[in-house]
Amino acid sequence: MLEVYEMFDRDCIIVDKVFASCQQRECFPEIEVDLDGKEFGDIKFKPGIIIPNTLVITDIEGQPDFRRVRFRVRIPFVILNPEGKVIVEDHLPDIYKDIVLYIPDARDEFSFKIVVETSSSTLAQPICTGKVLNFPVGTFIIVKVVGTVQLLIPAYGYCPEPPECTEFSPADICETFDYGPFPDFFPPQLPQAGNIND
């Protein structure tokens, strides 16, 4: 292993290290939102958060370095009209979690953070009935135990200079037309009579 390190420079960096993680999923078969007569366009989900003051971590008897972790997750979303303007701000029903995670013993000054990442999407086309919008949602959740540490890693040095930026240039509609395929001018013909029964 030492020979591999000798091939590179070595740098000490401070990073958030993931000590443990687990995944779960939640399904909401029917979410109802009152649009108050506004026209529906789209739904956008925002990252889930642990609701402040809901995180409780306790020891588990007979399981050293493992802890019972309880908290509530809230996933906000916004509903947009066809022009992309926000017409409703709301959130999915709060998700209660009561799980076991590896959180090793550490010195008093070292602290772990419980972090959640979410990925939510509608499971079917939203349906608008009168003023009420109905839609099902599926949510994937990753829970992580994170601690800030100093790591020694192999390094290649600083990153190279980035490439030049690409300037925005609107497409020339005539150029697209000039190089497009030529259309068929005439309708298809009936196959030759001798081939009909083949």
Protein backbone atom coordinates (compact mmCIF):
# COMPACT_ATOMS: atom_id res chain seq x y z
CA MET A 1 0.00 0.00 0.00
CA LEU A 2 2.86 2.39 0.79
CA GLU A 3 4.24 1.90 -2.74
CA VAL A 4 0.93 3.07 -4.23
CA TYR A 5 0.98 6.23 -2.11
CA GLU A 6 4.55 6.98 -3.18
CA MET A 7 3.36 7.29 -6.79
CA PHE A 8 1.32 10.40 -5.91
CA ASP A 9 1.58 13.50 -3.81
CA ARG A 10 -0.35 13.25 -0.54
CA ASP A 11 -2.70 15.87 0.83
CA CYS A 12 -4.59 16.19 4.10
CA ILE A 13 -8.14 17.40 3.55
CA ILE A 14 -11.04 18.11 5.89
CA VAL A 15 -14.21 16.38 4.69
CA ASP A 16 -17.60 15.19 5.86
CA LYS A 17 -17.16 11.42 6.10
CA VAL A 18 -20.17 9.12 5.94
CA PHE A 19 -19.83 6.65 8.82
CA ALA A 20 -23.12 4.84 8.13
CA SER A 21 -26.13 5.12 5.84
CA CYS A 22 -29.39 3.34 5.07
CA GLN A 23 -32.24 3.70 2.62
CA GLN A 24 -36.01 3.65 2.96
CA ARG A 25 -39.01 4.52 0.85
CA GLU A 26 -42.42 6.00 1.52
CA CYS A 27 -45.56 5.97 -0.63
CA PHE A 28 -48.42 8.45 -0.44
CA PRO A 29 -51.27 7.03 -2.55
CA GLU A 30 -53.33 10.22 -2.52
CA ILE A 31 -52.23 13.80 -1.91
CA GLU A 32 -54.96 16.43 -2.18
CA VAL A 33 -54.30 20.12 -2.75
CA ASP A 34 -56.86 22.91 -3.12
CA LEU A 35 -55.89 24.98 -6.16
CA ASP A 36 -58.48 27.66 -5.34
CA GLY A 37 -59.56 27.81 -8.97
CA LYS A 38 -56.04 28.31 -10.36
CA GLU A 39 -54.83 26.38 -13.40
CA PHE A 40 -52.42 23.48 -12.81
CA GLY A 41 -49.14 23.21 -14.69
CA ASP A 42 -46.53 21.16 -12.81
CA ILE A 43 -45.31 19.92 -9.39
CA LYS A 44 -41.76 20.47 -8.12
CA PHE A 45 -40.39 18.78 -4.98
CA LYS A 46 -37.77 20.36 -2.74
CA PRO A 47 -35.14 18.54 -0.64
CA GLY A 48 -36.49 16.95 2.51
CA ILE A 49 -35.33 18.23 5.90
CA ILE A 50 -35.30 16.92 9.43
CA ILE A 51 -37.83 19.04 11.29
CA PRO A 52 -36.02 21.05 13.98
CA ASN A 53 -36.29 19.71 17.54
CA THR A 54 -37.54 16.27 16.42
CA LEU A 55 -34.17 14.47 16.35
CA VAL A 56 -33.65 12.18 19.36
CA ILE A 57 -30.65 9.83 19.64
CA THR A 58 -30.50 7.27 22.46
CA ASP A 59 -28.23 4.38 23.38
CA ILE A 60 -29.35 0.78 22.87
CA GLU A 61 -28.60 -1.61 25.70
CA GLY A 62 -26.35 -4.46 24.59
CA GLN A 63 -25.45 -2.85 21.26
CA PRO A 64 -22.37 -0.70 21.69
CA ASP A 65 -21.71 1.84 18.89
CA PHE A 66 -25.31 1.57 17.68
CA ARG A 67 -27.99 4.11 18.53
CA ARG A 68 -31.74 4.45 18.23
CA VAL A 69 -32.43 7.48 16.03
CA ARG A 70 -35.85 9.11 15.86
CA PHE A 71 -36.88 12.14 13.83
CA ARG A 72 -39.48 13.55 11.45
CA VAL A 73 -38.79 14.38 7.81
CA ARG A 74 -40.69 17.09 5.92
CA ILE A 75 -40.63 17.30 2.11
CA PRO A 76 -41.88 20.62 0.71
CA PHE A 77 -43.29 20.99 -2.78
CA VAL A 78 -44.65 23.76 -4.95
CA ILE A 79 -47.37 23.67 -7.58
CA LEU A 80 -46.85 25.79 -10.67
CA ASN A 81 -49.30 27.14 -13.21
CA PRO A 82 -48.69 26.57 -16.95
CA GLU A 83 -46.51 29.73 -17.04
CA GLY A 84 -44.22 28.36 -14.31
CA LYS A 85 -45.44 30.69 -11.53
CA VAL A 86 -45.86 29.25 -8.02
CA ILE A 87 -49.54 29.07 -7.07
CA VAL A 88 -49.35 26.74 -4.03
CA GLU A 89 -46.62 26.00 -1.48
CA ASP A 90 -47.18 22.92 0.67
CA HIS A 91 -45.47 19.78 1.95
CA LEU A 92 -46.10 16.06 2.02
CA PRO A 93 -47.33 14.52 5.27
CA ASP A 94 -44.46 14.44 7.78
CA ILE A 95 -42.58 11.14 7.81
CA TYR A 96 -41.69 9.65 11.21
CA LYS A 97 -38.51 7.61 11.40
CA ASP A 98 -37.43 5.28 14.23
CA ILE A 99 -34.31 3.43 13.10
CA VAL A 100 -31.02 1.95 14.32
CA LEU A 101 -27.77 3.47 13.03
CA TYR A 102 -24.09 2.89 13.59
CA ILE A 103 -22.83 5.89 15.56
CA PRO A 104 -19.53 4.94 17.22
CA ASP A 105 -18.32 6.29 20.52
CA ALA A 106 -16.12 9.36 20.09
CA ARG A 107 -14.46 12.02 22.21
CA ASP A 108 -16.82 14.59 23.69
CA GLU A 109 -15.68 17.32 21.29
CA PHE A 110 -16.45 15.23 18.17
CA SER A 111 -20.00 15.47 16.90
CA PHE A 112 -21.97 13.48 14.35
CA LYS A 113 -24.69 14.91 12.14
CA ILE A 114 -27.75 13.01 10.94
CA VAL A 115 -28.39 14.00 7.33
CA VAL A 116 -31.25 13.05 5.01
CA GLU A 117 -31.44 13.11 1.24
CA THR A 118 -34.73 12.65 -0.57
CA SER A 119 -35.92 11.97 -4.11
CA SER A 120 -39.66 12.38 -4.68
CA SER A 121 -41.82 12.04 -7.77
CA THR A 122 -45.45 11.63 -8.75
CA LEU A 123 -46.42 8.01 -9.46
CA ALA A 124 -49.27 8.83 -11.86
CA GLN A 125 -50.63 11.75 -13.80
CA PRO A 126 -52.14 14.34 -11.40
CA ILE A 127 -55.92 14.65 -11.72
CA CYS A 128 -57.77 17.91 -11.20
CA THR A 129 -61.38 17.57 -10.05
CA GLY A 130 -63.04 20.92 -9.61
CA LYS A 131 -60.67 22.98 -7.48
CA VAL A 132 -58.86 19.96 -5.97
CA LEU A 133 -55.70 18.38 -7.40
CA ASN A 134 -55.05 14.70 -6.57
CA PHE A 135 -51.77 12.86 -7.13
CA PRO A 136 -49.80 9.91 -5.67
CA VAL A 137 -46.17 10.39 -4.60
CA GLY A 138 -43.27 8.01 -4.05
CA THR A 139 -40.28 9.12 -1.98
CA PHE A 140 -36.85 7.54 -1.57
CA ILE A 141 -34.93 8.53 1.57
CA ILE A 142 -31.26 8.07 2.41
CA VAL A 143 -30.25 8.64 6.03
CA LYS A 144 -26.56 9.28 6.74
CA VAL A 145 -24.38 9.55 9.83
CA VAL A 146 -21.79 12.20 8.98
CA GLY A 147 -18.73 13.42 10.88
CA THR A 148 -16.10 15.97 9.88
CA VAL A 149 -12.65 14.37 9.76
CA GLN A 150 -9.17 14.91 8.36
CA LEU A 151 -8.19 12.39 5.66
CA LEU A 152 -4.89 11.67 3.94
CA ILE A 153 -5.51 11.08 0.24
CA PRO A 154 -3.40 10.64 -2.89
CA ALA A 155 -3.40 13.83 -4.96
CA TYR A 156 -2.55 14.76 -8.53
CA GLY A 157 -2.16 18.45 -7.68
CA TYR A 158 -4.52 21.29 -8.53
CA CYS A 159 -7.22 20.83 -11.12
CA PRO A 160 -6.33 21.83 -14.70
CA GLU A 161 -7.68 25.04 -16.20
CA PRO A 162 -11.29 24.61 -17.32
CA PRO A 163 -12.24 24.84 -21.01
CA GLU A 164 -13.55 28.04 -22.56
CA CYS A 165 -17.20 28.81 -21.92
CA THR A 166 -19.63 28.16 -24.78
CA GLU A 167 -21.40 31.32 -25.88
CA PHE A 168 -25.14 31.07 -26.32
CA SER A 169 -26.10 31.42 -29.96
CA PRO A 170 -29.73 31.03 -31.08
CA ALA A 171 -30.28 28.45 -33.79
CA ASP A 172 -30.61 29.68 -37.39
CA ILE A 173 -33.99 28.34 -38.43
CA CYS A 174 -33.12 28.63 -42.13
CA GLU A 175 -29.91 26.61 -41.64
CA THR A 176 -31.94 23.84 -40.03
CA PHE A 177 -34.32 23.94 -42.98
CA ASP A 178 -31.51 23.98 -45.59
CA TYR A 179 -29.97 20.75 -44.28
CA GLY A 180 -33.18 18.88 -43.46
CA PRO A 181 -34.33 15.82 -45.51
CA PHE A 182 -36.36 16.44 -48.64
CA PRO A 183 -40.02 15.31 -48.23
CA ASP A 184 -41.87 12.80 -50.41
CA PHE A 185 -43.93 14.79 -52.90
CA PHE A 186 -46.27 12.04 -54.05
CA PRO A 187 -48.54 9.60 -52.17
CA PRO A 188 -47.61 5.89 -52.08
CA GLN A 189 -48.75 3.69 -54.96
CA LEU A 190 -50.82 0.51 -54.77
CA PRO A 191 -48.56 -2.57 -55.12
CA GLN A 192 -48.46 -4.23 -58.58
CA ALA A 193 -51.48 -6.45 -59.23
CA GLY A 194 -49.29 -9.52 -59.59
CA ASN A 195 -47.98 -9.05 -56.04
CA ILE A 196 -51.30 -8.67 -54.25
CA ASN A 197 -51.80 -12.37 -53.54
CA ASP A 198 -48.13 -13.20 -53.00
